Structure formats: structure tokens, C-alpha cells
Amino acid sequence: MLKTERLKKEIEILPKDMLDDVEKFIKNLKAHKKTTKKKSSLLTELAEIAIDVDIPSDFSKQHDHYLYGLPKK
């Protein structure tokens, strides 16, 4: 028996108040997954932008120089 079928059978016999809890749990799972995905995709987008813009390879070490014009360290 597939996991989804087992879960459906379990859900069918739950009392109504527990169904509300299950629904909240599922919504929280979906929200957490969306949040996690956004973080990783944001980092990916930033990395792609850095490649497209041709940021200097020492930017992370010399960011004050590139951002504010301070002398390189």
C-alpha cells in the first residue's frame, strides 16, 4: 500500500477537531518549503548576477575598495 493511501485512510477516521490540526500542519509544511526554496533560489540568482556583471574575483575581500573607493588592503 502506498504511503498516500495509508495517510488517506488514517485521515478518514480522524475526528473533526483533529482534521483542523492536520490541515494547519500541512499548511505549515507548505509554507516552510516555500520559504526554504526562496532562500536557495535567491542565492542562486545572486551568483548568476555576479557572473553576468563580471564582479572582480577579489570583491569579497576588497569590497570596501569597490564600494567606497578605499585603498585595497
PDB file of N, CA and C in Angstrom:
ATOM      1  N   MET A   1       0.851  -1.189   0.000  1.00  0.00           N
ATOM      2  CA  MET A   1       0.000   0.000   0.000  1.00  0.00           C
ATOM      3  C   MET A   1       0.890   1.243   0.000  1.00  0.00           C
ATOM      4  N   LEU A   2       0.539   2.188  -0.815  1.00  0.00           N
ATOM      5  CA  LEU A   2       1.308   3.426  -0.903  1.00  0.00           C
ATOM      6  C   LEU A   2       1.109   4.275   0.350  1.00  0.00           C
ATOM      7  N   LYS A   3       2.103   5.078   0.614  1.00  0.00           N
ATOM      8  CA  LYS A   3       2.045   5.948   1.789  1.00  0.00           C
ATOM      9  C   LYS A   3       0.835   6.883   1.725  1.00  0.00           C
ATOM     10  N   THR A   4       0.548   7.427   0.549  1.00  0.00           N
ATOM     11  CA  THR A   4      -0.593   8.348   0.431  1.00  0.00           C
ATOM     12  C   THR A   4      -1.912   7.647   0.728  1.00  0.00           C
ATOM     13  N   GLU A   5      -2.022   6.400   0.299  1.00  0.00           N
ATOM     14  CA  GLU A   5      -3.246   5.646   0.585  1.00  0.00           C
ATOM     15  C   GLU A   5      -3.401   5.394   2.081  1.00  0.00           C
ATOM     16  N   ARG A   6      -2.298   5.059   2.743  1.00  0.00           N
ATOM     17  CA  ARG A   6      -2.343   4.851   4.203  1.00  0.00           C
ATOM     18  C   ARG A   6      -2.737   6.130   4.914  1.00  0.00           C
ATOM     19  N   LEU A   7      -2.160   7.233   4.474  1.00  0.00           N
ATOM     20  CA  LEU A   7      -2.484   8.508   5.107  1.00  0.00           C
ATOM     21  C   LEU A   7      -3.953   8.883   4.901  1.00  0.00           C
ATOM     22  N   LYS A   8      -4.441   8.653   3.703  1.00  0.00           N
ATOM     23  CA  LYS A   8      -5.857   8.946   3.425  1.00  0.00           C
ATOM     24  C   LYS A   8      -6.772   8.137   4.333  1.00  0.00           C
ATOM     25  N   LYS A   9      -6.456   6.856   4.536  1.00  0.00           N
ATOM     26  CA  LYS A   9      -7.278   6.011   5.412  1.00  0.00           C
ATOM     27  C   LYS A   9      -7.238   6.518   6.850  1.00  0.00           C
ATOM     28  N   GLU A  10      -6.063   6.929   7.299  1.00  0.00           N
ATOM     29  CA  GLU A  10      -5.934   7.459   8.654  1.00  0.00           C
ATOM     30  C   GLU A  10      -6.735   8.754   8.811  1.00  0.00           C
ATOM     31  N   ILE A  11      -6.681   9.601   7.811  1.00  0.00           N
ATOM     32  CA  ILE A  11      -7.394  10.882   7.848  1.00  0.00           C
ATOM     33  C   ILE A  11      -8.900  10.661   7.873  1.00  0.00           C
ATOM     34  N   GLU A  12      -9.359   9.679   7.154  1.00  0.00           N
ATOM     35  CA  GLU A  12     -10.803   9.407   7.085  1.00  0.00           C
ATOM     36  C   GLU A  12     -11.412   9.063   8.443  1.00  0.00           C
ATOM     37  N   ILE A  13     -10.628   8.492   9.335  1.00  0.00           N
ATOM     38  CA  ILE A  13     -11.172   8.078  10.639  1.00  0.00           C
ATOM     39  C   ILE A  13     -10.898   9.088  11.753  1.00  0.00           C
ATOM     40  N   LEU A  14     -10.255  10.196  11.430  1.00  0.00           N
ATOM     41  CA  LEU A  14      -9.958  11.195  12.455  1.00  0.00           C
ATOM     42  C   LEU A  14     -11.203  12.008  12.812  1.00  0.00           C
ATOM     43  N   PRO A  15     -11.315  12.411  14.092  1.00  0.00           N
ATOM     44  CA  PRO A  15     -12.403  13.333  14.461  1.00  0.00           C
ATOM     45  C   PRO A  15     -12.164  14.712  13.847  1.00  0.00           C
ATOM     46  N   LYS A  16     -13.231  15.499  13.728  1.00  0.00           N
ATOM     47  CA  LYS A  16     -13.173  16.799  13.053  1.00  0.00           C
ATOM     48  C   LYS A  16     -12.128  17.734  13.657  1.00  0.00           C
ATOM     49  N   ASP A  17     -12.046  17.789  14.980  1.00  0.00           N
ATOM     50  CA  ASP A  17     -11.073  18.703  15.603  1.00  0.00           C
ATOM     51  C   ASP A  17      -9.632  18.325  15.255  1.00  0.00           C
ATOM     52  N   MET A  18      -9.380  17.055  15.059  1.00  0.00           N
ATOM     53  CA  MET A  18      -8.036  16.635  14.663  1.00  0.00           C
ATOM     54  C   MET A  18      -7.779  16.951  13.188  1.00  0.00           C
ATOM     55  N   LEU A  19      -8.833  16.938  12.390  1.00  0.00           N
ATOM     56  CA  LEU A  19      -8.686  17.302  10.977  1.00  0.00           C
ATOM     57  C   LEU A  19      -8.219  18.745  10.833  1.00  0.00           C
ATOM     58  N   ASP A  20      -8.712  19.606  11.694  1.00  0.00           N
ATOM     59  CA  ASP A  20      -8.269  21.004  11.679  1.00  0.00           C
ATOM     60  C   ASP A  20      -6.772  21.090  11.959  1.00  0.00           C
ATOM     61  N   ASP A  21      -6.306  20.289  12.911  1.00  0.00           N
ATOM     62  CA  ASP A  21      -4.879  20.278  13.239  1.00  0.00           C
ATOM     63  C   ASP A  21      -4.044  19.760  12.068  1.00  0.00           C
ATOM     64  N   VAL A  22      -4.549  18.727  11.413  1.00  0.00           N
ATOM     65  CA  VAL A  22      -3.844  18.172  10.251  1.00  0.00           C
ATOM     66  C   VAL A  22      -3.759  19.216   9.141  1.00  0.00           C
ATOM     67  N   GLU A  23      -4.846  19.927   8.922  1.00  0.00           N
ATOM     68  CA  GLU A  23      -4.852  20.960   7.896  1.00  0.00           C
ATOM     69  C   GLU A  23      -3.834  22.059   8.208  1.00  0.00           C
ATOM     70  N   LYS A  24      -3.778  22.488   9.466  1.00  0.00           N
ATOM     71  CA  LYS A  24      -2.796  23.504   9.869  1.00  0.00           C
ATOM     72  C   LYS A  24      -1.373  22.992   9.664  1.00  0.00           C
ATOM     73  N   PHE A  25      -1.164  21.736  10.024  1.00  0.00           N
ATOM     74  CA  PHE A  25       0.162  21.136   9.876  1.00  0.00           C
ATOM     75  C   PHE A  25       0.601  21.129   8.406  1.00  0.00           C
ATOM     76  N   ILE A  26      -0.308  20.735   7.524  1.00  0.00           N
ATOM     77  CA  ILE A  26       0.007  20.689   6.091  1.00  0.00           C
ATOM     78  C   ILE A  26       0.304  22.089   5.563  1.00  0.00           C
ATOM     79  N   LYS A  27      -0.474  23.077   5.981  1.00  0.00           N
ATOM     80  CA  LYS A  27      -0.223  24.454   5.545  1.00  0.00           C
ATOM     81  C   LYS A  27       1.143  24.936   6.018  1.00  0.00           C
ATOM     82  N   ASN A  28       1.499  24.593   7.259  1.00  0.00           N
ATOM     83  CA  ASN A  28       2.813  24.981   7.782  1.00  0.00           C
ATOM     84  C   ASN A  28       3.940  24.312   7.005  1.00  0.00           C
ATOM     85  N   LEU A  29       3.750  23.051   6.654  1.00  0.00           N
ATOM     86  CA  LEU A  29       4.759  22.354   5.854  1.00  0.00           C
ATOM     87  C   LEU A  29       4.963  23.038   4.510  1.00  0.00           C
ATOM     88  N   LYS A  30       3.869  23.382   3.864  1.00  0.00           N
ATOM     89  CA  LYS A  30       3.959  24.044   2.554  1.00  0.00           C
ATOM     90  C   LYS A  30       4.630  25.406   2.672  1.00  0.00           C
ATOM     91  N   ALA A  31       4.280  26.159   3.703  1.00  0.00           N
ATOM     92  CA  ALA A  31       4.879  27.487   3.897  1.00  0.00           C
ATOM     93  C   ALA A  31       6.369  27.362   4.158  1.00  0.00           C
ATOM     94  N   HIS A  32       6.750  26.383   4.958  1.00  0.00           N
ATOM     95  CA  HIS A  32       8.174  26.184   5.268  1.00  0.00           C
ATOM     96  C   HIS A  32       8.941  25.804   4.008  1.00  0.00           C
ATOM     97  N   LYS A  33       8.358  24.947   3.191  1.00  0.00           N
ATOM     98  CA  LYS A  33       9.021  24.532   1.960  1.00  0.00           C
ATOM     99  C   LYS A  33       9.197  25.701   1.011  1.00  0.00           C
ATOM    100  N   LYS A  34       8.175  26.553   0.883  1.00  0.00           N
ATOM    101  CA  LYS A  34       8.274  27.727   0.015  1.00  0.00           C
ATOM    102  C   LYS A  34       9.356  28.668   0.505  1.00  0.00           C
ATOM    103  N   THR A  35       9.417  28.890   1.817  1.00  0.00           N
ATOM    104  CA  THR A  35      10.424  29.783   2.391  1.00  0.00           C
ATOM    105  C   THR A  35      11.824  29.250   2.138  1.00  0.00           C
ATOM    106  N   THR A  36      12.010  27.978   2.356  1.00  0.00           N
ATOM    107  CA  THR A  36      13.321  27.380   2.136  1.00  0.00           C
ATOM    108  C   THR A  36      13.727  27.484   0.679  1.00  0.00           C
ATOM    109  N   LYS A  37      12.821  27.234  -0.212  1.00  0.00           N
ATOM    110  CA  LYS A  37      13.129  27.295  -1.637  1.00  0.00           C
ATOM    111  C   LYS A  37      13.518  28.708  -2.050  1.00  0.00           C
ATOM    112  N   LYS A  38      12.840  29.700  -1.534  1.00  0.00           N
ATOM    113  CA  LYS A  38      13.146  31.085  -1.903  1.00  0.00           C
ATOM    114  C   LYS A  38      14.561  31.457  -1.505  1.00  0.00           C
ATOM    115  N   LYS A  39      15.001  31.014  -0.342  1.00  0.00           N
ATOM    116  CA  LYS A  39      16.346  31.353   0.101  1.00  0.00           C
ATOM    117  C   LYS A  39      17.394  30.790  -0.843  1.00  0.00           C
ATOM    118  N   SER A  40      17.255  29.526  -1.200  1.00  0.00           N
ATOM    119  CA  SER A  40      18.261  28.929  -2.070  1.00  0.00           C
ATOM    120  C   SER A  40      18.202  29.535  -3.473  1.00  0.00           C
ATOM    121  N   SER A  41      17.012  29.833  -3.960  1.00  0.00           N
ATOM    122  CA  SER A  41      16.930  30.408  -5.287  1.00  0.00           C
ATOM    123  C   SER A  41      17.456  31.845  -5.297  1.00  0.00           C
ATOM    124  N   LEU A  42      17.307  32.553  -4.197  1.00  0.00           N
ATOM    125  CA  LEU A  42      17.851  33.907  -4.118  1.00  0.00           C
ATOM    126  C   LEU A  42      19.369  33.865  -4.200  1.00  0.00           C
ATOM    127  N   LEU A  43      19.985  32.936  -3.486  1.00  0.00           N
ATOM    128  CA  LEU A  43      21.443  32.809  -3.559  1.00  0.00           C
ATOM    129  C   LEU A  43      21.894  32.435  -4.963  1.00  0.00           C
ATOM    130  N   THR A  44      21.143  31.572  -5.592  1.00  0.00           N
ATOM    131  CA  THR A  44      21.467  31.189  -6.967  1.00  0.00           C
ATOM    132  C   THR A  44      21.370  32.391  -7.891  1.00  0.00           C
ATOM    133  N   GLU A  45      20.323  33.183  -7.730  1.00  0.00           N
ATOM    134  CA  GLU A  45      20.161  34.372  -8.565  1.00  0.00           C
ATOM    135  C   GLU A  45      21.301  35.353  -8.352  1.00  0.00           C
ATOM    136  N   LEU A  46      21.703  35.545  -7.097  1.00  0.00           N
ATOM    137  CA  LEU A  46      22.814  36.462  -6.821  1.00  0.00           C
ATOM    138  C   LEU A  46      24.107  35.969  -7.454  1.00  0.00           C
ATOM    139  N   ALA A  47      24.332  34.671  -7.394  1.00  0.00           N
ATOM    140  CA  ALA A  47      25.540  34.117  -8.010  1.00  0.00           C
ATOM    141  C   ALA A  47      25.514  34.321  -9.521  1.00  0.00           C
ATOM    142  N   GLU A  48      24.363  34.129 -10.130  1.00  0.00           N
ATOM    143  CA  GLU A  48      24.247  34.324 -11.575  1.00  0.00           C
ATOM    144  C   GLU A  48      24.460  35.783 -11.955  1.00  0.00           C
ATOM    145  N   ILE A  49      23.928  36.690 -11.141  1.00  0.00           N
ATOM    146  CA  ILE A  49      24.122  38.118 -11.407  1.00  0.00           C
ATOM    147  C   ILE A  49      25.601  38.467 -11.313  1.00  0.00           C
ATOM    148  N   ALA A  50      26.270  37.923 -10.299  1.00  0.00           N
ATOM    149  CA  ALA A  50      27.695  38.209 -10.114  1.00  0.00           C
ATOM    150  C   ALA A  50      28.499  37.755 -11.333  1.00  0.00           C
ATOM    151  N   ILE A  51      28.120  36.628 -11.913  1.00  0.00           N
ATOM    152  CA  ILE A  51      28.821  36.137 -13.100  1.00  0.00           C
ATOM    153  C   ILE A  51      28.524  37.032 -14.294  1.00  0.00           C
ATOM    154  N   ASP A  52      27.258  37.400 -14.453  1.00  0.00           N
ATOM    155  CA  ASP A  52      26.851  38.227 -15.595  1.00  0.00           C
ATOM    156  C   ASP A  52      27.477  39.619 -15.536  1.00  0.00           C
ATOM    157  N   VAL A  53      27.620  40.173 -14.352  1.00  0.00           N
ATOM    158  CA  VAL A  53      28.134  41.531 -14.195  1.00  0.00           C
ATOM    159  C   VAL A  53      29.654  41.548 -14.224  1.00  0.00           C
ATOM    160  N   ASP A  54      30.275  40.403 -14.115  1.00  0.00           N
ATOM    161  CA  ASP A  54      31.729  40.283 -14.112  1.00  0.00           C
ATOM    162  C   ASP A  54      32.340  40.989 -12.910  1.00  0.00           C
ATOM    163  N   ILE A  55      31.882  40.612 -11.723  1.00  0.00           N
ATOM    164  CA  ILE A  55      32.420  41.165 -10.478  1.00  0.00           C
ATOM    165  C   ILE A  55      33.854  40.670 -10.310  1.00  0.00           C
ATOM    166  N   PRO A  56      34.768  41.528  -9.865  1.00  0.00           N
ATOM    167  CA  PRO A  56      36.168  41.114  -9.674  1.00  0.00           C
ATOM    168  C   PRO A  56      36.268  39.924  -8.721  1.00  0.00           C
ATOM    169  N   SER A  57      37.236  39.062  -8.947  1.00  0.00           N
ATOM    170  CA  SER A  57      37.382  37.857  -8.129  1.00  0.00           C
ATOM    171  C   SER A  57      37.744  38.163  -6.677  1.00  0.00           C
ATOM    172  N   ASP A  58      38.317  39.328  -6.414  1.00  0.00           N
ATOM    173  CA  ASP A  58      38.670  39.675  -5.032  1.00  0.00           C
ATOM    174  C   ASP A  58      37.617  40.578  -4.382  1.00  0.00           C
ATOM    175  N   PHE A  59      36.424  40.628  -4.945  1.00  0.00           N
ATOM    176  CA  PHE A  59      35.385  41.526  -4.442  1.00  0.00           C
ATOM    177  C   PHE A  59      35.073  41.269  -2.972  1.00  0.00           C
ATOM    178  N   SER A  60      34.968  40.003  -2.567  1.00  0.00           N
ATOM    179  CA  SER A  60      34.597  39.723  -1.173  1.00  0.00           C
ATOM    180  C   SER A  60      35.668  40.214  -0.199  1.00  0.00           C
ATOM    181  N   LYS A  61      36.917  40.171  -0.609  1.00  0.00           N
ATOM    182  CA  LYS A  61      37.994  40.629   0.281  1.00  0.00           C
ATOM    183  C   LYS A  61      38.209  42.139   0.186  1.00  0.00           C
ATOM    184  N   GLN A  62      37.935  42.702  -0.955  1.00  0.00           N
ATOM    185  CA  GLN A  62      38.201  44.122  -1.198  1.00  0.00           C
ATOM    186  C   GLN A  62      36.929  44.943  -1.392  1.00  0.00           C
ATOM    187  N   HIS A  63      35.825  44.499  -0.785  1.00  0.00           N
ATOM    188  CA  HIS A  63      34.544  45.176  -1.029  1.00  0.00           C
ATOM    189  C   HIS A  63      34.561  46.653  -0.639  1.00  0.00           C
ATOM    190  N   ASP A  64      35.303  47.016   0.404  1.00  0.00           N
ATOM    191  CA  ASP A  64      35.379  48.434   0.780  1.00  0.00           C
ATOM    192  C   ASP A  64      36.007  49.270  -0.340  1.00  0.00           C
ATOM    193  N   HIS A  65      36.986  48.693  -1.011  1.00  0.00           N
ATOM    194  CA  HIS A  65      37.626  49.401  -2.130  1.00  0.00           C
ATOM    195  C   HIS A  65      36.631  49.609  -3.273  1.00  0.00           C
ATOM    196  N   TYR A  66      35.906  48.525  -3.633  1.00  0.00           N
ATOM    197  CA  TYR A  66      34.995  48.606  -4.772  1.00  0.00           C
ATOM    198  C   TYR A  66      33.724  49.401  -4.452  1.00  0.00           C
ATOM    199  N   LEU A  67      33.261  49.332  -3.221  1.00  0.00           N
ATOM    200  CA  LEU A  67      32.026  50.038  -2.864  1.00  0.00           C
ATOM    201  C   LEU A  67      32.255  51.494  -2.475  1.00  0.00           C
ATOM    202  N   TYR A  68      33.351  51.743  -1.728  1.00  0.00           N
ATOM    203  CA  TYR A  68      33.542  53.084  -1.164  1.00  0.00           C
ATOM    204  C   TYR A  68      34.803  53.786  -1.657  1.00  0.00           C
ATOM    205  N   GLY A  69      35.597  53.125  -2.490  1.00  0.00           N
ATOM    206  CA  GLY A  69      36.796  53.751  -3.034  1.00  0.00           C
ATOM    207  C   GLY A  69      37.972  53.780  -2.076  1.00  0.00           C
ATOM    208  N   LEU A  70      37.906  53.019  -0.997  1.00  0.00           N
ATOM    209  CA  LEU A  70      39.024  52.976  -0.063  1.00  0.00           C
ATOM    210  C   LEU A  70      40.197  52.228  -0.687  1.00  0.00           C
ATOM    211  N   PRO A  71      41.418  52.460  -0.198  1.00  0.00           N
ATOM    212  CA  PRO A  71      42.579  51.738  -0.759  1.00  0.00           C
ATOM    213  C   PRO A  71      42.445  50.225  -0.522  1.00  0.00           C
ATOM    214  N   LYS A  72      42.988  49.444  -1.430  1.00  0.00           N
ATOM    215  CA  LYS A  72      42.973  47.995  -1.259  1.00  0.00           C
ATOM    216  C   LYS A  72      43.849  47.620  -0.063  1.00  0.00           C
ATOM    217  N   LYS A  73      43.465  46.551   0.589  1.00  0.00           N
ATOM    218  CA  LYS A  73      44.224  46.083   1.768  1.00  0.00           C
ATOM    219  C   LYS A  73      45.331  45.159   1.343  1.00  0.00           C
TER     220      LYS A  73
END
